[in-house]
Amino acid sequence: MKIARYLAAASIAAASFFAPIALAQTAQAAEWPSDCTDEPTITTGTGFCHGGGGWYKVSVWCDMFDGGPLIMREAGTWQKGGSSSLSIAYCPPGGQAVHTGMAYRSSDN
């Protein structure tokens, strides 16, 4: 009887030791967009990513002609990394694009 309890305890201990190792080997690393480019045009900001996974979208900072504050706008939808789909953010009327940036999300978000 003592041997049976010992074997059962040893089995549980071994399973609890090796389970995290097996799970770690099957988990995939999150993918991120790569090979990305963004730039301001006259009244928009554009960006795209040629490689990777995950998601991306562009933001644009706009200088207002009337001397108002710098305004930041971002694209409404996320684009799939590696799709080369154009992400566009628009300045409000009376604004000129002066700077752009990209936001990224991993494939597991």
N, C-alpha and C. Protein backbone atom coordinates (compact mmCIF):
# COMPACT_ATOMS: atom_id res chain seq x y z
N MET A 1 0.82 -1.19 0.00
CA MET A 1 0.00 0.00 0.00
C MET A 1 0.86 1.26 0.00
N LYS A 2 1.97 1.21 0.79
CA LYS A 2 2.86 2.37 0.84
C LYS A 2 3.51 2.59 -0.52
N ILE A 3 3.82 1.50 -1.21
CA ILE A 3 4.45 1.63 -2.53
C ILE A 3 3.48 2.27 -3.51
N ALA A 4 2.23 1.90 -3.48
CA ALA A 4 1.23 2.47 -4.38
C ALA A 4 1.07 3.97 -4.13
N ARG A 5 1.04 4.37 -2.86
CA ARG A 5 0.94 5.80 -2.55
C ARG A 5 2.18 6.56 -3.02
N TYR A 6 3.32 5.94 -2.83
CA TYR A 6 4.58 6.56 -3.26
C TYR A 6 4.60 6.74 -4.78
N LEU A 7 4.19 5.71 -5.50
CA LEU A 7 4.17 5.80 -6.97
C LEU A 7 3.16 6.85 -7.45
N ALA A 8 2.01 6.93 -6.80
CA ALA A 8 1.01 7.94 -7.16
C ALA A 8 1.56 9.34 -6.91
N ALA A 9 2.20 9.55 -5.78
CA ALA A 9 2.77 10.86 -5.46
C ALA A 9 3.89 11.20 -6.43
N ALA A 10 4.71 10.22 -6.79
CA ALA A 10 5.80 10.45 -7.74
C ALA A 10 5.26 10.80 -9.12
N SER A 11 4.18 10.14 -9.52
CA SER A 11 3.56 10.43 -10.82
C SER A 11 3.02 11.85 -10.88
N ILE A 12 2.36 12.27 -9.82
CA ILE A 12 1.81 13.63 -9.76
C ILE A 12 2.94 14.65 -9.77
N ALA A 13 3.98 14.39 -9.02
CA ALA A 13 5.12 15.31 -8.98
C ALA A 13 5.77 15.42 -10.35
N ALA A 14 5.95 14.31 -11.03
CA ALA A 14 6.57 14.33 -12.37
C ALA A 14 5.68 15.08 -13.35
N ALA A 15 4.38 14.84 -13.29
CA ALA A 15 3.46 15.53 -14.21
C ALA A 15 3.48 17.03 -13.97
N SER A 16 3.51 17.46 -12.72
CA SER A 16 3.51 18.89 -12.44
C SER A 16 4.84 19.53 -12.82
N PHE A 17 5.92 18.75 -12.86
CA PHE A 17 7.23 19.27 -13.26
C PHE A 17 7.32 19.42 -14.78
N PHE A 18 6.85 18.40 -15.52
CA PHE A 18 7.02 18.40 -16.97
C PHE A 18 5.92 19.14 -17.73
N ALA A 19 4.76 19.36 -17.14
CA ALA A 19 3.66 20.05 -17.84
C ALA A 19 4.05 21.44 -18.30
N PRO A 20 4.66 22.30 -17.46
CA PRO A 20 5.03 23.64 -17.95
C PRO A 20 6.05 23.59 -19.09
N ILE A 21 6.93 22.60 -19.08
CA ILE A 21 7.91 22.48 -20.16
C ILE A 21 7.21 22.15 -21.46
N ALA A 22 6.26 21.23 -21.43
CA ALA A 22 5.51 20.87 -22.64
C ALA A 22 4.70 22.05 -23.15
N LEU A 23 4.07 22.80 -22.24
CA LEU A 23 3.29 23.97 -22.66
C LEU A 23 4.19 25.04 -23.26
N ALA A 24 5.36 25.24 -22.70
CA ALA A 24 6.27 26.27 -23.22
C ALA A 24 6.73 25.92 -24.62
N GLN A 25 6.89 24.66 -24.92
CA GLN A 25 7.35 24.26 -26.23
C GLN A 25 6.27 24.43 -27.29
N THR A 26 5.01 24.35 -26.91
CA THR A 26 3.93 24.46 -27.88
C THR A 26 3.45 25.90 -28.06
N ALA A 27 3.78 26.79 -27.14
CA ALA A 27 3.34 28.19 -27.25
C ALA A 27 4.12 28.88 -28.37
N GLN A 28 3.43 29.65 -29.19
CA GLN A 28 4.07 30.37 -30.27
C GLN A 28 4.39 31.79 -29.81
N ALA A 29 5.49 32.30 -30.34
CA ALA A 29 5.86 33.68 -30.04
C ALA A 29 4.92 34.62 -30.78
N ALA A 30 4.60 35.73 -30.16
CA ALA A 30 3.75 36.74 -30.80
C ALA A 30 4.49 37.35 -31.99
N GLU A 31 3.78 37.61 -33.06
CA GLU A 31 4.37 38.24 -34.24
C GLU A 31 4.06 39.73 -34.22
N TRP A 32 4.99 40.51 -34.72
CA TRP A 32 4.85 41.97 -34.82
C TRP A 32 5.05 42.39 -36.27
N PRO A 33 4.45 43.52 -36.68
CA PRO A 33 4.70 44.02 -38.03
C PRO A 33 6.19 44.34 -38.21
N SER A 34 6.66 44.24 -39.45
CA SER A 34 8.05 44.58 -39.75
C SER A 34 8.12 45.25 -41.13
N ASP A 35 9.28 45.81 -41.42
CA ASP A 35 9.52 46.50 -42.69
C ASP A 35 8.43 47.56 -42.94
N CYS A 36 8.28 48.47 -41.96
CA CYS A 36 7.22 49.48 -42.00
C CYS A 36 7.75 50.85 -42.43
N THR A 37 6.91 51.60 -43.08
CA THR A 37 7.24 52.95 -43.54
C THR A 37 6.04 53.86 -43.26
N ASP A 38 6.32 55.08 -42.78
CA ASP A 38 5.25 56.07 -42.62
C ASP A 38 5.80 57.43 -43.02
N GLU A 39 4.89 58.28 -43.54
CA GLU A 39 5.31 59.62 -43.95
C GLU A 39 4.11 60.57 -44.00
N PRO A 40 4.37 61.85 -43.74
CA PRO A 40 3.30 62.84 -43.92
C PRO A 40 3.21 63.25 -45.39
N THR A 41 2.00 63.46 -45.86
CA THR A 41 1.80 64.07 -47.18
C THR A 41 1.26 65.47 -46.89
N ILE A 42 0.53 66.07 -47.78
CA ILE A 42 0.08 67.45 -47.55
C ILE A 42 -0.93 67.53 -46.40
N THR A 43 -1.97 66.72 -46.44
CA THR A 43 -3.00 66.79 -45.39
C THR A 43 -3.29 65.43 -44.77
N THR A 44 -2.45 64.44 -45.02
CA THR A 44 -2.65 63.11 -44.44
C THR A 44 -1.33 62.53 -43.95
N GLY A 45 -1.44 61.48 -43.17
CA GLY A 45 -0.30 60.64 -42.82
C GLY A 45 -0.59 59.27 -43.37
N THR A 46 0.40 58.64 -43.98
CA THR A 46 0.22 57.31 -44.54
C THR A 46 1.29 56.37 -43.99
N GLY A 47 0.95 55.09 -43.91
CA GLY A 47 1.91 54.10 -43.45
C GLY A 47 1.49 52.71 -43.89
N PHE A 48 2.48 51.83 -44.01
CA PHE A 48 2.21 50.43 -44.34
C PHE A 48 3.37 49.57 -43.85
N CYS A 49 3.11 48.26 -43.70
CA CYS A 49 4.11 47.29 -43.27
C CYS A 49 4.12 46.12 -44.25
N HIS A 50 5.28 45.84 -44.80
CA HIS A 50 5.41 44.76 -45.79
C HIS A 50 5.57 43.38 -45.18
N GLY A 51 6.02 43.30 -43.93
CA GLY A 51 6.31 41.98 -43.37
C GLY A 51 5.75 41.79 -41.98
N GLY A 52 5.99 40.59 -41.46
CA GLY A 52 5.60 40.26 -40.10
C GLY A 52 4.13 39.92 -39.97
N GLY A 53 3.68 39.93 -38.74
CA GLY A 53 2.28 39.65 -38.42
C GLY A 53 1.74 40.79 -37.59
N GLY A 54 0.81 40.50 -36.72
CA GLY A 54 0.26 41.54 -35.86
C GLY A 54 -0.54 42.57 -36.64
N TRP A 55 -0.59 43.77 -36.08
CA TRP A 55 -1.43 44.84 -36.62
C TRP A 55 -0.72 46.17 -36.53
N TYR A 56 -1.10 47.13 -37.37
CA TYR A 56 -0.52 48.47 -37.35
C TYR A 56 -1.53 49.50 -37.80
N LYS A 57 -1.30 50.75 -37.40
CA LYS A 57 -2.05 51.89 -37.94
C LYS A 57 -1.21 53.14 -37.76
N VAL A 58 -1.46 54.12 -38.61
CA VAL A 58 -0.67 55.35 -38.62
C VAL A 58 -1.37 56.46 -37.84
N SER A 59 -0.56 57.36 -37.31
CA SER A 59 -1.05 58.59 -36.68
C SER A 59 -0.41 59.77 -37.40
N VAL A 60 -1.09 60.90 -37.43
CA VAL A 60 -0.55 62.10 -38.07
C VAL A 60 -0.71 63.29 -37.12
N TRP A 61 0.31 64.15 -37.08
CA TRP A 61 0.25 65.39 -36.32
C TRP A 61 0.10 66.51 -37.32
N CYS A 62 -0.88 67.38 -37.08
CA CYS A 62 -1.26 68.43 -38.03
C CYS A 62 -1.05 69.81 -37.44
N ASP A 63 -0.40 70.67 -38.20
CA ASP A 63 -0.20 72.07 -37.85
C ASP A 63 -1.36 72.85 -38.46
N MET A 64 -2.10 73.58 -37.64
CA MET A 64 -3.27 74.30 -38.14
C MET A 64 -2.87 75.65 -38.73
N PHE A 65 -3.43 75.96 -39.89
CA PHE A 65 -3.10 77.20 -40.59
C PHE A 65 -3.47 78.45 -39.79
N ASP A 66 -4.49 78.34 -38.94
CA ASP A 66 -4.92 79.50 -38.17
C ASP A 66 -4.09 79.71 -36.90
N GLY A 67 -3.01 78.94 -36.74
CA GLY A 67 -2.15 79.10 -35.58
C GLY A 67 -2.61 78.34 -34.36
N GLY A 68 -3.60 77.50 -34.51
CA GLY A 68 -4.11 76.71 -33.39
C GLY A 68 -3.10 75.66 -32.95
N PRO A 69 -3.46 74.88 -31.96
CA PRO A 69 -2.52 73.88 -31.44
C PRO A 69 -2.28 72.75 -32.44
N LEU A 70 -1.17 72.05 -32.26
CA LEU A 70 -0.86 70.85 -33.04
C LEU A 70 -1.91 69.79 -32.69
N ILE A 71 -2.48 69.17 -33.70
CA ILE A 71 -3.55 68.19 -33.51
C ILE A 71 -3.07 66.82 -33.98
N MET A 72 -3.33 65.78 -33.18
CA MET A 72 -2.98 64.42 -33.56
C MET A 72 -4.24 63.65 -33.92
N ARG A 73 -4.18 62.98 -35.05
CA ARG A 73 -5.28 62.11 -35.50
C ARG A 73 -4.69 60.75 -35.82
N GLU A 74 -5.47 59.68 -35.63
CA GLU A 74 -4.99 58.36 -35.99
C GLU A 74 -5.98 57.66 -36.91
N ALA A 75 -5.47 56.70 -37.67
CA ALA A 75 -6.34 55.92 -38.56
C ALA A 75 -7.37 55.18 -37.73
N GLY A 76 -8.54 55.00 -38.27
CA GLY A 76 -9.61 54.36 -37.52
C GLY A 76 -9.50 52.85 -37.42
N THR A 77 -8.90 52.20 -38.40
CA THR A 77 -8.84 50.75 -38.39
C THR A 77 -7.40 50.25 -38.36
N TRP A 78 -7.22 49.10 -37.76
CA TRP A 78 -5.93 48.43 -37.73
C TRP A 78 -5.77 47.64 -39.03
N GLN A 79 -4.56 47.65 -39.58
CA GLN A 79 -4.25 46.88 -40.78
C GLN A 79 -3.42 45.66 -40.38
N LYS A 80 -3.57 44.57 -41.10
CA LYS A 80 -2.84 43.33 -40.81
C LYS A 80 -1.39 43.45 -41.23
N GLY A 81 -0.46 43.13 -40.32
CA GLY A 81 0.96 43.16 -40.63
C GLY A 81 1.29 42.26 -41.80
N GLY A 82 2.18 42.71 -42.67
CA GLY A 82 2.57 41.93 -43.85
C GLY A 82 1.64 42.08 -45.03
N SER A 83 0.55 42.81 -44.87
CA SER A 83 -0.42 42.93 -45.97
C SER A 83 -0.08 44.06 -46.93
N SER A 84 0.81 44.96 -46.54
CA SER A 84 1.13 46.17 -47.32
C SER A 84 -0.09 47.05 -47.54
N SER A 85 -1.13 46.86 -46.74
CA SER A 85 -2.33 47.70 -46.84
C SER A 85 -2.01 49.10 -46.33
N LEU A 86 -2.46 50.10 -47.04
CA LEU A 86 -2.20 51.48 -46.68
C LEU A 86 -3.07 51.90 -45.50
N SER A 87 -2.44 52.45 -44.48
CA SER A 87 -3.14 53.03 -43.34
C SER A 87 -3.09 54.54 -43.51
N ILE A 88 -4.24 55.21 -43.40
CA ILE A 88 -4.31 56.66 -43.66
C ILE A 88 -4.99 57.36 -42.48
N ALA A 89 -4.36 58.45 -42.03
CA ALA A 89 -4.97 59.33 -41.03
C ALA A 89 -5.06 60.72 -41.65
N TYR A 90 -6.20 61.38 -41.47
CA TYR A 90 -6.46 62.67 -42.12
C TYR A 90 -6.38 63.83 -41.14
N CYS A 91 -5.78 64.94 -41.60
CA CYS A 91 -5.81 66.18 -40.84
C CYS A 91 -7.20 66.80 -40.95
N PRO A 92 -7.61 67.57 -39.95
CA PRO A 92 -8.88 68.28 -40.08
C PRO A 92 -8.75 69.39 -41.12
N PRO A 93 -9.86 69.92 -41.62
CA PRO A 93 -9.77 71.03 -42.57
C PRO A 93 -8.95 72.18 -41.98
N GLY A 94 -8.08 72.76 -42.80
CA GLY A 94 -7.22 73.84 -42.34
C GLY A 94 -5.96 73.36 -41.66
N GLY A 95 -5.63 72.06 -41.79
CA GLY A 95 -4.43 71.51 -41.17
C GLY A 95 -3.47 70.96 -42.20
N GLN A 96 -2.19 70.99 -41.87
CA GLN A 96 -1.15 70.44 -42.72
C GLN A 96 -0.38 69.39 -41.94
N ALA A 97 -0.17 68.22 -42.55
CA ALA A 97 0.56 67.14 -41.90
C ALA A 97 2.03 67.50 -41.73
N VAL A 98 2.54 67.38 -40.49
CA VAL A 98 3.94 67.72 -40.24
C VAL A 98 4.74 66.54 -39.70
N HIS A 99 4.08 65.52 -39.16
CA HIS A 99 4.79 64.38 -38.59
C HIS A 99 3.86 63.18 -38.57
N THR A 100 4.43 61.98 -38.72
CA THR A 100 3.65 60.74 -38.61
C THR A 100 4.33 59.76 -37.67
N GLY A 101 3.58 58.80 -37.21
CA GLY A 101 4.10 57.71 -36.39
C GLY A 101 3.21 56.50 -36.55
N MET A 102 3.71 55.36 -36.11
CA MET A 102 2.96 54.12 -36.26
C MET A 102 2.69 53.52 -34.88
N ALA A 103 1.52 52.93 -34.73
CA ALA A 103 1.18 52.15 -33.54
C ALA A 103 1.14 50.68 -33.97
N TYR A 104 1.62 49.79 -33.08
CA TYR A 104 1.71 48.37 -33.39
C TYR A 104 1.04 47.54 -32.31
N ARG A 105 0.46 46.41 -32.71
CA ARG A 105 -0.07 45.40 -31.79
C ARG A 105 0.47 44.05 -32.22
N SER A 106 0.70 43.17 -31.26
CA SER A 106 1.19 41.84 -31.61
C SER A 106 0.03 40.98 -32.13
N SER A 107 0.38 39.84 -32.70
CA SER A 107 -0.62 38.96 -33.27
C SER A 107 -1.50 38.31 -32.22
N ASP A 108 -1.08 38.32 -30.96
CA ASP A 108 -1.91 37.70 -29.92
C ASP A 108 -2.81 38.68 -29.20
N ASN A 109 -2.97 39.88 -29.73
CA ASN A 109 -3.90 40.86 -29.17
C ASN A 109 -5.17 40.90 -29.97
